[in-house]
Amino acid sequence: MDPKSTIAVITDIKDEEFYKLGTKLGKLKALCTRNQFTLCKKTFLSIQEVGKEENKCSEVVKKLSSFRGHGFKNATVQRSVP
């Protein structure tokens, strides 16, 4: 089964309520609100590791998935704002 979440890092905050998230495969195209992710205390990903491309969340999950990305629900995010 596919994981229900993916690891991302906060790369920017817009208007104090919208978050730009990045993964190893790149930044997510859509902005997220705080209720769409869970903060993680442990560091799994740094901003320097965020890919250059912009992708839809579903595209990122599909690329990281063994089973084509079915079942994705939310992201686990580290807070690392420059």
N, C-alpha and C. Protein backbone atom coordinates (compact mmCIF):
# COMPACT_ATOMS: atom_id res chain seq x y z
N MET A 1 0.83 -1.20 0.00
CA MET A 1 0.00 0.00 0.00
C MET A 1 0.86 1.25 0.00
N ASP A 2 0.33 2.30 -0.57
CA ASP A 2 1.03 3.58 -0.59
C ASP A 2 0.97 4.24 0.78
N PRO A 3 1.98 5.05 1.11
CA PRO A 3 1.91 5.81 2.36
C PRO A 3 0.77 6.83 2.29
N LYS A 4 0.21 7.19 3.43
CA LYS A 4 -0.89 8.15 3.50
C LYS A 4 -0.41 9.58 3.56
N SER A 5 0.91 9.80 3.61
CA SER A 5 1.44 11.16 3.66
C SER A 5 2.79 11.20 2.97
N THR A 6 3.31 12.40 2.82
CA THR A 6 4.63 12.59 2.24
C THR A 6 5.39 13.62 3.07
N ILE A 7 6.70 13.59 2.99
CA ILE A 7 7.54 14.52 3.75
C ILE A 7 7.75 15.79 2.91
N ALA A 8 7.54 16.93 3.52
CA ALA A 8 7.74 18.22 2.86
C ALA A 8 8.32 19.20 3.87
N VAL A 9 8.82 20.31 3.37
CA VAL A 9 9.37 21.37 4.22
C VAL A 9 8.68 22.68 3.82
N ILE A 10 8.43 23.55 4.80
CA ILE A 10 7.84 24.85 4.51
C ILE A 10 8.93 25.73 3.90
N THR A 11 8.67 26.22 2.69
CA THR A 11 9.66 27.07 2.02
C THR A 11 9.28 28.54 2.07
N ASP A 12 7.99 28.84 2.31
CA ASP A 12 7.54 30.22 2.36
C ASP A 12 6.17 30.29 3.02
N ILE A 13 5.86 31.44 3.62
CA ILE A 13 4.54 31.69 4.20
C ILE A 13 3.99 32.96 3.58
N LYS A 14 2.79 32.89 3.02
CA LYS A 14 2.14 34.03 2.37
C LYS A 14 0.99 34.52 3.25
N ASP A 15 0.94 35.81 3.49
CA ASP A 15 -0.16 36.44 4.25
C ASP A 15 -0.40 35.77 5.61
N GLU A 16 0.64 35.20 6.21
CA GLU A 16 0.58 34.59 7.53
C GLU A 16 -0.41 33.43 7.65
N GLU A 17 -0.90 32.89 6.52
CA GLU A 17 -1.83 31.77 6.62
C GLU A 17 -1.72 30.75 5.48
N PHE A 18 -0.99 31.07 4.43
CA PHE A 18 -0.83 30.14 3.32
C PHE A 18 0.62 29.71 3.23
N TYR A 19 0.85 28.42 3.12
CA TYR A 19 2.19 27.85 3.17
C TYR A 19 2.58 27.26 1.83
N LYS A 20 3.81 27.56 1.39
CA LYS A 20 4.38 26.95 0.20
C LYS A 20 5.24 25.80 0.70
N LEU A 21 4.99 24.60 0.19
CA LEU A 21 5.70 23.41 0.65
C LEU A 21 6.60 22.87 -0.45
N GLY A 22 7.72 22.29 -0.04
CA GLY A 22 8.66 21.70 -0.98
C GLY A 22 9.00 20.28 -0.59
N THR A 23 9.23 19.43 -1.60
CA THR A 23 9.65 18.05 -1.41
C THR A 23 10.95 17.82 -2.18
N LYS A 24 11.49 16.63 -2.09
CA LYS A 24 12.70 16.32 -2.86
C LYS A 24 12.45 16.44 -4.36
N LEU A 25 11.21 16.29 -4.77
CA LEU A 25 10.87 16.36 -6.19
C LEU A 25 10.50 17.76 -6.64
N GLY A 26 10.46 18.72 -5.73
CA GLY A 26 10.15 20.10 -6.08
C GLY A 26 9.08 20.71 -5.19
N LYS A 27 8.79 21.98 -5.46
CA LYS A 27 7.77 22.69 -4.69
C LYS A 27 6.38 22.30 -5.18
N LEU A 28 5.43 22.29 -4.25
CA LEU A 28 4.05 22.01 -4.62
C LEU A 28 3.44 23.27 -5.23
N LYS A 29 2.67 23.10 -6.30
CA LYS A 29 2.07 24.25 -7.00
C LYS A 29 1.07 24.98 -6.12
N ALA A 30 0.26 24.24 -5.39
CA ALA A 30 -0.80 24.84 -4.57
C ALA A 30 -0.26 25.30 -3.21
N LEU A 31 -0.82 26.39 -2.72
CA LEU A 31 -0.54 26.82 -1.35
C LEU A 31 -1.41 26.00 -0.41
N CYS A 32 -0.92 25.76 0.80
CA CYS A 32 -1.67 24.97 1.79
C CYS A 32 -2.00 25.83 2.99
N THR A 33 -3.08 25.50 3.66
CA THR A 33 -3.40 26.13 4.93
C THR A 33 -2.89 25.23 6.04
N ARG A 34 -2.76 25.76 7.23
CA ARG A 34 -2.16 25.04 8.36
C ARG A 34 -2.89 23.74 8.69
N ASN A 35 -4.19 23.66 8.46
CA ASN A 35 -4.92 22.45 8.81
C ASN A 35 -4.71 21.32 7.79
N GLN A 36 -3.93 21.57 6.74
CA GLN A 36 -3.69 20.55 5.72
C GLN A 36 -2.41 19.75 5.93
N PHE A 37 -1.65 20.09 6.99
CA PHE A 37 -0.45 19.33 7.27
C PHE A 37 -0.17 19.26 8.76
N THR A 38 0.70 18.33 9.13
CA THR A 38 1.11 18.12 10.51
C THR A 38 2.58 18.47 10.63
N LEU A 39 2.94 19.25 11.64
CA LEU A 39 4.35 19.60 11.85
C LEU A 39 5.09 18.42 12.47
N CYS A 40 6.33 18.27 12.07
CA CYS A 40 7.19 17.19 12.56
C CYS A 40 8.38 17.81 13.27
N LYS A 41 8.74 17.31 14.42
CA LYS A 41 9.87 17.85 15.18
C LYS A 41 11.22 17.38 14.64
N LYS A 42 11.25 16.22 14.02
CA LYS A 42 12.49 15.66 13.49
C LYS A 42 12.75 16.18 12.08
N THR A 43 14.02 16.36 11.74
CA THR A 43 14.39 16.85 10.41
C THR A 43 14.64 15.68 9.47
N PHE A 44 13.85 15.61 8.41
CA PHE A 44 14.00 14.59 7.39
C PHE A 44 14.44 15.19 6.06
N LEU A 45 14.21 16.50 5.89
CA LEU A 45 14.44 17.16 4.61
C LEU A 45 14.84 18.61 4.88
N SER A 46 15.85 19.10 4.19
CA SER A 46 16.24 20.51 4.33
C SER A 46 15.77 21.29 3.11
N ILE A 47 15.70 22.61 3.23
CA ILE A 47 15.30 23.45 2.11
C ILE A 47 16.27 23.27 0.94
N GLN A 48 17.53 23.01 1.22
CA GLN A 48 18.52 22.83 0.17
C GLN A 48 18.24 21.57 -0.66
N GLU A 49 17.51 20.62 -0.10
CA GLU A 49 17.19 19.38 -0.81
C GLU A 49 15.92 19.47 -1.66
N VAL A 50 15.20 20.59 -1.57
CA VAL A 50 13.96 20.74 -2.33
C VAL A 50 14.29 20.87 -3.81
N GLY A 51 13.60 20.08 -4.63
CA GLY A 51 13.83 20.10 -6.07
C GLY A 51 13.44 21.43 -6.71
N LYS A 52 13.88 21.66 -7.92
CA LYS A 52 13.64 22.92 -8.63
C LYS A 52 12.28 22.99 -9.30
N GLU A 53 11.69 21.86 -9.66
CA GLU A 53 10.41 21.84 -10.38
C GLU A 53 9.26 22.24 -9.48
N GLU A 54 8.13 22.63 -10.11
CA GLU A 54 6.87 22.81 -9.39
C GLU A 54 5.95 21.70 -9.86
N ASN A 55 5.34 21.00 -8.90
CA ASN A 55 4.48 19.86 -9.21
C ASN A 55 3.17 19.94 -8.44
N LYS A 56 2.16 19.29 -8.97
CA LYS A 56 0.93 19.09 -8.21
C LYS A 56 1.23 18.05 -7.15
N CYS A 57 0.54 18.14 -6.03
CA CYS A 57 0.74 17.18 -4.94
C CYS A 57 0.53 15.75 -5.43
N SER A 58 -0.49 15.55 -6.24
CA SER A 58 -0.78 14.20 -6.73
C SER A 58 0.37 13.67 -7.60
N GLU A 59 1.05 14.55 -8.35
CA GLU A 59 2.18 14.13 -9.18
C GLU A 59 3.36 13.70 -8.30
N VAL A 60 3.62 14.44 -7.22
CA VAL A 60 4.71 14.11 -6.31
C VAL A 60 4.45 12.75 -5.67
N VAL A 61 3.23 12.55 -5.17
CA VAL A 61 2.89 11.29 -4.52
C VAL A 61 3.01 10.14 -5.50
N LYS A 62 2.56 10.34 -6.72
CA LYS A 62 2.63 9.29 -7.74
C LYS A 62 4.08 8.91 -8.02
N LYS A 63 4.98 9.91 -8.11
CA LYS A 63 6.39 9.64 -8.39
C LYS A 63 7.08 8.93 -7.22
N LEU A 64 6.66 9.22 -6.00
CA LEU A 64 7.26 8.60 -4.82
C LEU A 64 6.64 7.26 -4.48
N SER A 65 5.58 6.91 -5.16
CA SER A 65 4.75 5.76 -4.81
C SER A 65 5.18 4.47 -5.50
N SER A 66 4.89 3.38 -4.85
CA SER A 66 5.05 2.06 -5.45
C SER A 66 3.78 1.66 -6.19
N PHE A 67 2.65 2.27 -5.79
CA PHE A 67 1.35 1.87 -6.32
C PHE A 67 0.59 3.04 -6.94
N ARG A 68 1.28 3.94 -7.63
CA ARG A 68 0.70 5.04 -8.40
C ARG A 68 -0.02 6.10 -7.58
N GLY A 69 0.26 6.23 -6.29
CA GLY A 69 -0.22 7.37 -5.51
C GLY A 69 -1.62 7.30 -4.97
N HIS A 70 -2.28 6.18 -5.04
CA HIS A 70 -3.64 6.09 -4.49
C HIS A 70 -3.60 6.12 -2.97
N GLY A 71 -4.52 6.84 -2.37
CA GLY A 71 -4.65 6.83 -0.92
C GLY A 71 -3.99 7.99 -0.21
N PHE A 72 -3.36 8.94 -0.93
CA PHE A 72 -2.71 10.08 -0.27
C PHE A 72 -3.74 10.92 0.47
N LYS A 73 -3.42 11.31 1.71
CA LYS A 73 -4.34 12.13 2.50
C LYS A 73 -3.75 13.46 2.92
N ASN A 74 -2.51 13.50 3.42
CA ASN A 74 -1.95 14.78 3.85
C ASN A 74 -0.42 14.72 3.90
N ALA A 75 0.19 15.83 4.29
CA ALA A 75 1.64 15.91 4.34
C ALA A 75 2.12 16.07 5.78
N THR A 76 3.30 15.54 6.05
CA THR A 76 4.00 15.78 7.29
C THR A 76 5.09 16.79 6.96
N VAL A 77 5.11 17.91 7.66
CA VAL A 77 5.95 19.04 7.24
C VAL A 77 6.88 19.46 8.36
N GLN A 78 8.09 19.82 7.96
CA GLN A 78 9.05 20.43 8.87
C GLN A 78 8.99 21.92 8.70
N ARG A 79 9.13 22.66 9.75
CA ARG A 79 9.13 24.13 9.66
C ARG A 79 10.56 24.60 9.47
N SER A 80 10.89 25.06 8.26
CA SER A 80 12.21 25.60 7.95
C SER A 80 12.03 26.79 7.02
N VAL A 81 11.67 27.92 7.57
CA VAL A 81 11.44 29.11 6.77
C VAL A 81 12.69 29.97 6.78
N PRO A 82 13.15 30.41 5.58
CA PRO A 82 14.38 31.22 5.53
C PRO A 82 14.22 32.55 6.22
